[in-house]
Amino acid sequence: MAGWVGADIWFAALYSYRIPDTSPSYAPCSPLPSPAAVRLALVDAVIRHTGSMEEGRHMFDRVRSAPLELQPPGLVSVMKFFLKRLKPQKPEKGTRPSVIESTGVREYCLPSGPITAWVQTDQPATIAQAFGWLRRLGTTDSIAWCTPVSGAPDPHLCMRAIDTLPLNLQNFSRRVVITLHELVSEATFDQINPFQGGQKRANPFHKRLYMLPLVIEKAGENWVRYRREPFQT
């Protein structure tokens, strides 16, 4: 019988999940990662810890279509930074790879507490172990770790696909609406495996419009602070 396995995802510092189809040179971020990012983070954690692609394949099959819920922290601030950075330059034939200086704008999130994730599964120990191995979520600088959470998610406090929400003004007024990635039901491990060579692979993602249980509490020129506010039934 399937049950919920939950984990608090804590970040060592700021974190950033770039909104799909936005430019890396001007990268707004989402206060919550996409469902696809959480699923693939668990797959990545298993591969990195075990060193086995087959174990990663098994985890992918377990989490690809499993019910998943994400709850934001009570407060989360989003700040915009102008960055000077180094990026790889495509080398000419016979030369070594090099880097060039580049500038860009990127948003980062500062949470008041953890993001909480739940996965519904009939193999709770396996999923809980994968959460325990998770060390990053989204970008490589979004360093994270997890602690276990008991119980089941409260749907009033979790991110919702916009087409699943009751149509009332309280749910749609002042909320954060954002497009994020989810895995298609037919996605395969080979489509998301970066070490898989061969022919061009079909896109394993589709975009879905989500509403977050967050409202703007305060805002400035280059920052905004969101407060968690439950959805109404």
Protein backbone atom coordinates (compact mmCIF):
# COMPACT_ATOMS: atom_id res chain seq x y z
CA MET A 1 0.00 0.00 0.00
CA ALA A 2 1.38 3.38 -1.04
CA GLY A 3 2.11 6.04 1.56
CA TRP A 4 3.77 9.43 1.76
CA VAL A 5 7.50 9.90 2.36
CA GLY A 6 8.43 13.47 3.28
CA ALA A 7 11.66 15.42 3.66
CA ASP A 8 12.62 18.96 4.61
CA ILE A 9 15.10 20.29 2.03
CA TRP A 10 17.52 22.73 3.69
CA PHE A 11 19.84 25.00 1.73
CA ALA A 12 23.35 25.90 2.86
CA ALA A 13 22.93 29.45 1.55
CA LEU A 14 20.96 31.00 -1.32
CA TYR A 15 19.40 28.82 -4.01
CA SER A 16 18.26 29.42 -7.57
CA TYR A 17 16.00 27.51 -9.95
CA ARG A 18 15.85 29.28 -13.32
CA ILE A 19 12.39 29.52 -14.85
CA PRO A 20 12.23 27.41 -18.05
CA ASP A 21 12.84 29.20 -21.37
CA THR A 22 14.41 32.28 -19.77
CA SER A 23 17.83 33.48 -20.83
CA PRO A 24 20.91 32.49 -18.77
CA SER A 25 22.00 36.13 -19.17
CA TYR A 26 18.86 37.35 -17.41
CA ALA A 27 17.62 34.50 -15.25
CA PRO A 28 14.54 35.03 -13.06
CA CYS A 29 14.04 32.18 -10.59
CA SER A 30 11.10 30.36 -9.09
CA PRO A 31 10.64 30.25 -5.29
CA LEU A 32 9.96 26.52 -5.69
CA PRO A 33 11.76 24.09 -8.01
CA SER A 34 9.78 22.26 -10.65
CA PRO A 35 8.39 18.79 -9.89
CA ALA A 36 10.70 17.44 -12.59
CA ALA A 37 13.75 18.97 -10.86
CA VAL A 38 12.91 17.22 -7.57
CA ARG A 39 12.37 13.87 -9.27
CA LEU A 40 15.64 14.13 -11.17
CA ALA A 41 17.50 15.34 -8.07
CA LEU A 42 16.57 12.05 -6.38
CA VAL A 43 17.80 10.09 -9.40
CA ASP A 44 21.04 12.10 -9.42
CA ALA A 45 21.52 11.53 -5.68
CA VAL A 46 21.23 7.76 -6.11
CA ILE A 47 23.69 7.65 -9.02
CA ARG A 48 26.26 9.82 -7.23
CA HIS A 49 26.04 7.83 -4.00
CA THR A 50 25.99 4.31 -5.47
CA GLY A 51 28.01 4.93 -8.64
CA SER A 52 25.48 2.77 -10.48
CA MET A 53 23.52 3.92 -13.53
CA GLU A 54 21.20 0.93 -13.08
CA GLU A 55 20.28 2.07 -9.57
CA GLY A 56 19.53 5.48 -11.07
CA ARG A 57 17.34 3.84 -13.70
CA HIS A 58 15.37 2.01 -11.00
CA MET A 59 14.88 5.24 -9.03
CA PHE A 60 13.71 7.04 -12.18
CA ASP A 61 11.07 4.37 -12.74
CA ARG A 62 9.88 4.77 -9.13
CA VAL A 63 9.55 8.57 -9.12
CA ARG A 64 8.72 9.42 -12.75
CA SER A 65 4.95 9.47 -12.27
CA ALA A 66 4.65 9.20 -8.48
CA PRO A 67 2.38 11.80 -6.80
CA LEU A 68 4.62 14.61 -5.55
CA GLU A 69 3.85 17.64 -3.38
CA LEU A 70 6.00 20.72 -2.67
CA GLN A 71 5.46 23.17 0.20
CA PRO A 72 7.34 26.49 0.37
CA PRO A 73 8.78 27.89 3.61
CA GLY A 74 6.78 30.41 5.64
CA LEU A 75 8.74 33.28 4.07
CA VAL A 76 11.02 33.42 1.05
CA SER A 77 12.83 36.44 -0.35
CA VAL A 78 13.85 36.67 -4.01
CA MET A 79 16.79 38.98 -4.77
CA LYS A 80 18.22 40.10 -8.09
CA PHE A 81 22.01 40.25 -8.56
CA PHE A 82 24.22 41.60 -11.33
CA LEU A 83 27.02 39.07 -11.71
CA LYS A 84 30.43 38.98 -13.33
CA ARG A 85 31.32 35.42 -14.15
CA LEU A 86 33.39 33.09 -16.31
CA LYS A 87 31.79 30.90 -18.95
CA PRO A 88 33.29 28.22 -21.21
CA GLN A 89 34.32 29.27 -24.69
CA LYS A 90 34.02 26.81 -27.53
CA PRO A 91 37.60 25.94 -28.45
CA GLU A 92 38.89 26.01 -31.97
CA LYS A 93 40.15 22.75 -33.39
CA GLY A 94 43.48 21.79 -31.88
CA THR A 95 43.30 24.28 -29.00
CA ARG A 96 42.58 23.85 -25.31
CA PRO A 97 39.21 24.75 -23.80
CA SER A 98 39.17 28.23 -22.26
CA VAL A 99 36.85 30.63 -20.46
CA ILE A 100 35.81 34.20 -21.13
CA GLU A 101 34.44 36.89 -18.87
CA SER A 102 30.71 37.47 -19.01
CA THR A 103 28.08 39.45 -17.14
CA GLY A 104 24.46 38.70 -16.39
CA VAL A 105 21.56 39.07 -14.02
CA ARG A 106 20.33 36.20 -11.88
CA GLU A 107 17.79 35.92 -9.11
CA TYR A 108 18.46 33.96 -5.93
CA CYS A 109 16.11 32.89 -3.14
CA LEU A 110 16.66 33.23 0.60
CA PRO A 111 14.19 31.03 2.51
CA SER A 112 13.15 31.36 6.16
CA GLY A 113 13.16 27.58 6.47
CA PRO A 114 13.14 24.41 4.38
CA ILE A 115 11.20 23.49 1.28
CA THR A 116 9.21 20.36 2.17
CA ALA A 117 8.72 17.61 -0.42
CA TRP A 118 6.54 14.49 -0.29
CA VAL A 119 6.51 11.51 -2.63
CA GLN A 120 3.77 8.88 -2.53
CA THR A 121 5.30 5.43 -2.91
CA ASP A 122 4.97 1.76 -1.98
CA GLN A 123 8.75 1.68 -1.30
CA PRO A 124 9.13 4.28 1.46
CA ALA A 125 12.55 3.14 2.68
CA THR A 126 14.07 3.46 -0.81
CA ILE A 127 12.73 6.98 -1.37
CA ALA A 128 13.69 8.10 2.15
CA GLN A 129 17.22 6.83 1.53
CA ALA A 130 17.43 8.81 -1.73
CA PHE A 131 16.31 11.98 0.09
CA GLY A 132 19.06 11.33 2.62
CA TRP A 133 21.64 11.23 -0.19
CA LEU A 134 20.43 14.42 -1.89
CA ARG A 135 23.09 17.17 -1.84
CA ARG A 136 21.90 19.71 -4.41
CA LEU A 137 18.71 20.84 -6.09
CA GLY A 138 18.69 22.74 -9.36
CA THR A 139 21.97 24.56 -10.02
CA THR A 140 25.27 23.18 -8.77
CA ASP A 141 25.58 26.09 -6.32
CA SER A 142 22.20 25.27 -4.70
CA ILE A 143 23.77 23.01 -2.06
CA ALA A 144 21.19 21.22 0.05
CA TRP A 145 20.57 18.38 2.49
CA CYS A 146 17.40 16.69 3.74
CA THR A 147 15.88 15.68 7.06
CA PRO A 148 12.91 13.28 7.30
CA VAL A 149 9.34 14.50 7.85
CA SER A 150 6.46 12.37 9.10
CA GLY A 151 2.82 12.59 8.12
CA ALA A 152 1.13 13.60 4.88
CA PRO A 153 1.15 16.91 2.96
CA ASP A 154 -1.51 19.57 3.48
CA PRO A 155 -2.80 20.38 -0.04
CA HIS A 156 -3.78 23.89 1.09
CA LEU A 157 -0.08 24.69 1.67
CA CYS A 158 1.41 23.01 -1.40
CA MET A 159 2.01 24.16 -4.96
CA ARG A 160 -0.95 23.36 -7.23
CA ALA A 161 -1.38 22.94 -10.96
CA ILE A 162 -3.62 25.87 -11.79
CA ASP A 163 -6.26 23.70 -13.45
CA THR A 164 -6.78 21.76 -10.19
CA LEU A 165 -7.65 24.75 -8.00
CA PRO A 166 -11.23 25.77 -7.07
CA LEU A 167 -12.14 28.91 -9.00
CA ASN A 168 -12.50 31.56 -6.33
CA LEU A 169 -11.02 35.03 -5.95
CA GLN A 170 -9.09 34.20 -2.75
CA ASN A 171 -7.09 31.53 -4.52
CA PHE A 172 -6.19 33.64 -7.56
CA SER A 173 -5.67 37.08 -5.99
CA ARG A 174 -2.03 38.17 -5.53
CA ARG A 175 -0.65 34.64 -5.92
CA VAL A 176 2.56 33.64 -7.66
CA VAL A 177 1.76 31.95 -10.99
CA ILE A 178 4.66 30.31 -12.78
CA THR A 179 5.37 27.86 -15.60
CA LEU A 180 7.51 24.88 -14.58
CA HIS A 181 8.66 21.58 -16.01
CA GLU A 182 7.15 18.18 -15.35
CA LEU A 183 8.13 14.82 -16.82
CA VAL A 184 5.88 13.39 -19.50
CA SER A 185 4.36 10.04 -18.57
CA GLU A 186 6.27 8.32 -21.40
CA ALA A 187 9.67 9.73 -20.37
CA THR A 188 12.51 7.21 -20.20
CA PHE A 189 15.73 7.14 -18.26
CA ASP A 190 17.75 7.27 -21.47
CA GLN A 191 16.13 10.61 -22.34
CA ILE A 192 17.42 12.28 -19.18
CA ASN A 193 20.74 10.41 -18.93
CA PRO A 194 23.48 12.93 -19.89
CA PHE A 195 25.89 10.08 -20.63
CA GLN A 196 23.58 8.49 -23.18
CA GLY A 197 24.98 8.98 -26.68
CA GLY A 198 23.49 8.29 -30.06
CA GLN A 199 20.62 10.00 -31.84
CA LYS A 200 18.86 13.12 -30.66
CA ARG A 201 16.39 12.25 -27.91
CA ALA A 202 12.79 13.37 -27.65
CA ASN A 203 11.96 16.02 -25.06
CA PRO A 204 11.09 14.24 -21.77
CA PHE A 205 9.46 17.39 -20.29
CA HIS A 206 6.27 19.30 -20.71
CA LYS A 207 5.40 22.70 -19.29
CA ARG A 208 2.59 23.16 -16.81
CA LEU A 209 1.19 26.28 -15.18
CA TYR A 210 1.37 26.23 -11.38
CA MET A 211 0.15 28.50 -8.61
CA LEU A 212 2.20 28.81 -5.44
CA PRO A 213 0.65 29.36 -1.98
CA LEU A 214 2.65 32.60 -1.74
CA VAL A 215 1.59 36.25 -1.71
CA ILE A 216 3.78 39.37 -1.83
CA GLU A 217 4.42 40.75 1.65
CA LYS A 218 6.98 43.46 0.80
CA ALA A 219 8.93 44.51 -2.28
CA GLY A 220 11.77 46.81 -3.23
CA GLU A 221 13.65 47.81 -6.35
CA ASN A 222 15.54 44.53 -6.73
CA TRP A 223 13.90 42.23 -4.19
CA VAL A 224 10.53 40.83 -3.12
CA ARG A 225 9.51 38.92 0.00
CA TYR A 226 6.74 36.33 -0.21
CA ARG A 227 4.61 34.99 2.64
CA ARG A 228 3.02 31.57 2.58
CA GLU A 229 -0.78 31.75 2.60
CA PRO A 230 -2.95 28.63 2.34
CA PHE A 231 -5.31 28.04 -0.55
CA GLN A 232 -9.04 28.13 0.17
CA THR A 233 -11.39 25.22 -0.54
